[in-house]
Amino acid sequence: MNISPIAFKGTFCIEQKDLNSKTFTQILSKKDNLEMSFQVSGYTNPGKLYVQMPYEFDSQLMKLLAKISVPYKRIEEDESLEPDNIIKRMVLSPSGENREEFLQKIDATKLDVELKKNPEMHVGYKGKNGSRLKYDRFKTFLKTNQEIRSPIVYLRKLPSGKVETHIYDGRHRFAVLRDMGIKQIPVTIDEDSLKLAREIGLV
C-alpha cells in the first residue's frame, strides 16, 4: 500500500514514556493493514510520538491503543492547519551565526517577489523548482501540531545599492505557508537584515 502524505487527516500524539516507537512498530507489524499505513515524526518534541494514519484506519488504531491501555490525544487536521494556530507555533530558528536574531513577521507576498529575483532562493507554487518531497513532508508535518522552526531570512546590500534577499533555511516551509494564503509569516532575521527589510517594505 502506498500512502500519499495528503491522505493523512489527523495525528495521534502519544507520550514516548507510555509507548516507544520500537514497541509501537512491533505492535503494528502484527496487524494486516496498519503496519503499512503509518508515519511517525518527532521533529521538535522528542518526548512525544506523533503518528499519522490514513483516515480510514483511525478507528482501528484507537481500538488498538485502548486495548493496550495507552493514552493518546488525537489532533484534528482542521485544528492543526488553522492559520492562527500555525503562526502561534512558529519559533526562532537560530542560524548558528554569531549575531543577534529575532522572530519577525514579514509580508509573504513582498518577500516572494524579492525571492523571485534570485531563482535559487525561490520555490514556486506547490513546490515547483524546489523539492516536492520536502514541500509535501512539511505539509504533513503541519498536521502534528508541533512547534515550527521559522524560515531564516538574510538580506544584504550589493555595491550597486540594490538589496538581495535570501532564505538561508526554510525555503519549502515558506512556500507551503505562502501557498496556504498566510499573509504575514514569522521568520528568523538578524538586526542588519531587519533594517534592510524595513527599507524595501517587507516589514
Protein backbone atom coordinates (compact mmCIF):
# COMPACT_ATOMS: atom_id res chain seq x y z
CA MET A 1 0.00 0.00 0.00
CA ASN A 2 1.47 3.36 -0.99
CA ILE A 3 0.06 6.16 1.18
CA SER A 4 0.41 9.73 -0.07
CA PRO A 5 1.14 12.37 2.61
CA ILE A 6 -2.04 14.24 1.68
CA ALA A 7 -4.10 11.20 2.71
CA PHE A 8 -3.40 11.84 6.39
CA LYS A 9 -6.32 13.63 8.05
CA GLY A 10 -5.14 13.80 11.64
CA THR A 11 -2.39 12.96 14.10
CA PHE A 12 -2.24 10.81 17.23
CA CYS A 13 0.05 12.20 19.93
CA ILE A 14 1.43 9.57 22.32
CA GLU A 15 3.89 10.11 25.16
CA GLN A 16 7.02 8.10 24.46
CA LYS A 17 7.18 7.11 28.12
CA ASP A 18 3.89 5.27 27.53
CA LEU A 19 4.89 3.65 24.27
CA ASN A 20 8.20 3.94 22.44
CA SER A 21 8.46 3.83 18.65
CA LYS A 22 10.07 0.39 18.55
CA THR A 23 7.28 -1.17 20.61
CA PHE A 24 4.70 0.63 18.54
CA THR A 25 6.21 -0.70 15.33
CA GLN A 26 6.20 -4.24 16.73
CA ILE A 27 2.53 -3.95 17.64
CA LEU A 28 1.58 -2.62 14.23
CA SER A 29 3.56 -5.35 12.48
CA LYS A 30 1.03 -7.84 13.78
CA LYS A 31 -1.84 -6.01 12.09
CA ASP A 32 -2.60 -6.76 8.45
CA ASN A 33 -3.41 -3.21 7.37
CA LEU A 34 -1.96 -0.89 9.95
CA GLU A 35 1.72 -1.72 9.66
CA MET A 36 1.86 -0.39 6.10
CA SER A 37 -0.06 2.77 6.80
CA PHE A 38 1.58 4.85 9.49
CA GLN A 39 4.19 7.60 9.70
CA VAL A 40 5.96 8.61 12.88
CA SER A 41 7.54 12.00 13.49
CA GLY A 42 9.08 13.89 16.39
CA TYR A 43 10.82 16.83 14.77
CA THR A 44 10.75 19.41 17.56
CA ASN A 45 9.40 17.45 20.51
CA PRO A 46 11.39 14.24 21.05
CA GLY A 47 9.43 13.39 24.20
CA LYS A 48 6.35 12.59 22.18
CA LEU A 49 5.44 10.20 19.39
CA TYR A 50 3.35 11.68 16.56
CA VAL A 51 1.57 9.07 14.48
CA GLN A 52 -0.29 9.89 11.29
CA MET A 53 -2.76 7.42 9.85
CA PRO A 54 -4.97 7.49 6.76
CA TYR A 55 -8.43 8.47 7.98
CA GLU A 56 -9.98 5.06 7.29
CA PHE A 57 -7.65 3.40 9.83
CA ASP A 58 -8.23 5.86 12.69
CA SER A 59 -10.87 3.74 14.43
CA GLN A 60 -8.68 0.63 14.25
CA LEU A 61 -5.78 2.48 15.83
CA MET A 62 -7.97 3.91 18.59
CA LYS A 63 -9.26 0.41 19.43
CA LEU A 64 -5.70 -0.91 19.46
CA LEU A 65 -4.45 1.82 21.81
CA ALA A 66 -7.45 1.33 24.10
CA LYS A 67 -6.81 -2.42 24.20
CA ILE A 68 -3.22 -1.95 25.37
CA SER A 69 -4.22 0.92 27.71
CA VAL A 70 -2.10 3.61 26.05
CA PRO A 71 -3.42 7.19 26.43
CA TYR A 72 -3.34 9.45 23.39
CA LYS A 73 -4.55 12.76 22.05
CA ARG A 74 -5.93 12.97 18.54
CA ILE A 75 -5.19 16.26 16.78
CA GLU A 76 -7.72 17.10 14.09
CA GLU A 77 -6.48 18.43 10.75
CA ASP A 78 -8.79 21.46 10.96
CA GLU A 79 -7.19 22.47 14.25
CA SER A 80 -3.56 21.99 13.24
CA LEU A 81 -3.93 23.72 9.85
CA GLU A 82 -5.79 26.77 11.14
CA PRO A 83 -3.60 29.80 10.17
CA ASP A 84 -3.63 31.46 13.62
CA ASN A 85 -2.64 28.15 15.19
CA ILE A 86 0.27 27.80 12.74
CA ILE A 87 1.51 31.35 13.46
CA LYS A 88 1.45 30.71 17.24
CA ARG A 89 3.52 27.56 16.79
CA MET A 90 6.35 29.25 14.87
CA VAL A 91 9.58 29.68 16.83
CA LEU A 92 13.01 31.24 16.41
CA SER A 93 15.36 29.13 14.31
CA PRO A 94 18.93 30.19 15.20
CA SER A 95 21.24 30.18 12.19
CA GLY A 96 24.34 29.36 14.21
CA GLU A 97 25.94 32.64 13.16
CA ASN A 98 27.36 34.91 15.85
CA ARG A 99 24.68 37.60 15.65
CA GLU A 100 21.50 38.50 17.48
CA GLU A 101 18.36 37.24 15.75
CA PHE A 102 14.66 37.98 16.12
CA LEU A 103 11.32 36.44 15.24
CA GLN A 104 9.63 38.93 12.91
CA LYS A 105 6.51 38.77 10.75
CA ILE A 106 7.21 39.61 7.10
CA ASP A 107 4.84 40.33 4.23
CA ALA A 108 4.71 36.98 2.40
CA THR A 109 3.73 38.42 -0.98
CA LYS A 110 6.51 41.02 -1.00
CA LEU A 111 9.08 38.51 0.23
CA ASP A 112 8.05 36.14 -2.54
CA VAL A 113 8.58 38.91 -5.12
CA GLU A 114 12.08 39.56 -3.76
CA LEU A 115 12.97 35.85 -3.77
CA LYS A 116 11.93 35.53 -7.42
CA LYS A 117 14.81 37.86 -8.29
CA ASN A 118 17.14 35.10 -7.13
CA PRO A 119 15.78 31.87 -8.68
CA GLU A 120 17.98 29.67 -6.49
CA MET A 121 16.15 31.01 -3.45
CA HIS A 122 12.64 30.67 -4.84
CA VAL A 123 10.29 27.71 -4.53
CA GLY A 124 7.21 28.11 -6.71
CA TYR A 125 3.60 27.13 -6.22
CA LYS A 126 3.19 23.56 -4.90
CA GLY A 127 6.96 23.15 -4.71
CA LYS A 128 7.76 23.95 -8.33
CA ASN A 129 11.50 24.41 -8.95
CA GLY A 130 12.19 23.02 -5.48
CA SER A 131 11.86 19.63 -3.82
CA ARG A 132 8.30 18.34 -3.99
CA LEU A 133 9.27 15.77 -1.34
CA LYS A 134 10.31 18.47 1.15
CA TYR A 135 7.23 20.50 0.30
CA ASP A 136 4.86 17.57 0.92
CA ARG A 137 6.70 16.46 4.05
CA PHE A 138 6.25 19.86 5.63
CA LYS A 139 2.54 19.85 4.75
CA THR A 140 2.26 16.53 6.55
CA PHE A 141 4.34 17.79 9.49
CA LEU A 142 2.00 20.77 9.96
CA LYS A 143 -0.78 18.36 10.96
CA THR A 144 1.16 17.15 14.01
CA ASN A 145 0.58 20.48 15.78
CA GLN A 146 4.25 20.67 16.80
CA GLU A 147 6.39 23.81 17.00
CA ILE A 148 7.58 25.07 13.62
CA ARG A 149 11.07 26.37 13.03
CA SER A 150 10.65 29.66 11.20
CA PRO A 151 12.47 30.25 7.88
CA ILE A 152 15.76 32.12 8.28
CA VAL A 153 15.82 35.25 6.11
CA TYR A 154 19.02 37.13 5.30
CA LEU A 155 19.30 40.41 3.37
CA ARG A 156 22.40 42.22 2.13
CA LYS A 157 23.07 45.41 0.19
CA LEU A 158 25.05 44.98 -3.02
CA PRO A 159 27.69 47.50 -4.23
CA SER A 160 25.08 48.70 -6.74
CA GLY A 161 22.85 49.73 -3.83
CA LYS A 162 20.26 47.02 -4.54
CA VAL A 163 19.15 44.75 -1.72
CA GLU A 164 19.47 41.00 -2.22
CA THR A 165 17.16 38.69 -0.27
CA HIS A 166 17.89 35.09 0.68
CA ILE A 167 16.24 32.34 2.68
CA TYR A 168 19.16 30.75 4.48
CA ASP A 169 17.00 27.83 5.64
CA GLY A 170 13.30 27.03 5.21
CA ARG A 171 12.50 27.77 1.54
CA HIS A 172 9.94 24.97 1.37
CA ARG A 173 8.41 25.90 4.72
CA PHE A 174 7.92 29.44 3.43
CA ALA A 175 6.45 28.17 0.14
CA VAL A 176 3.88 25.96 1.88
CA LEU A 177 2.74 28.75 4.22
CA ARG A 178 2.61 31.21 1.31
CA ASP A 179 0.50 28.78 -0.73
CA MET A 180 -1.85 28.38 2.24
CA GLY A 181 -2.58 32.10 1.96
CA ILE A 182 -0.86 33.21 5.16
CA LYS A 183 -0.13 36.90 4.58
CA GLN A 184 2.28 37.64 7.42
CA ILE A 185 4.80 34.85 8.03
CA PRO A 186 7.15 34.87 11.06
CA VAL A 187 10.79 34.48 10.07
CA THR A 188 14.11 34.45 11.90
CA ILE A 189 16.10 37.55 10.96
CA ASP A 190 19.13 39.45 12.31
CA GLU A 191 19.20 43.17 13.11
CA ASP A 192 21.04 44.28 9.95
CA SER A 193 18.73 42.25 7.71
CA LEU A 194 15.71 43.61 9.55
CA LYS A 195 16.82 47.18 8.80
CA LEU A 196 17.10 46.33 5.10
CA ALA A 197 13.74 44.54 5.19
CA ARG A 198 12.16 47.72 6.51
CA GLU A 199 13.99 49.73 3.86
CA ILE A 200 12.42 47.73 0.99
CA GLY A 201 8.99 47.41 2.63
CA LEU A 202 8.96 43.77 3.70
CA VAL A 203 8.03 44.76 7.26
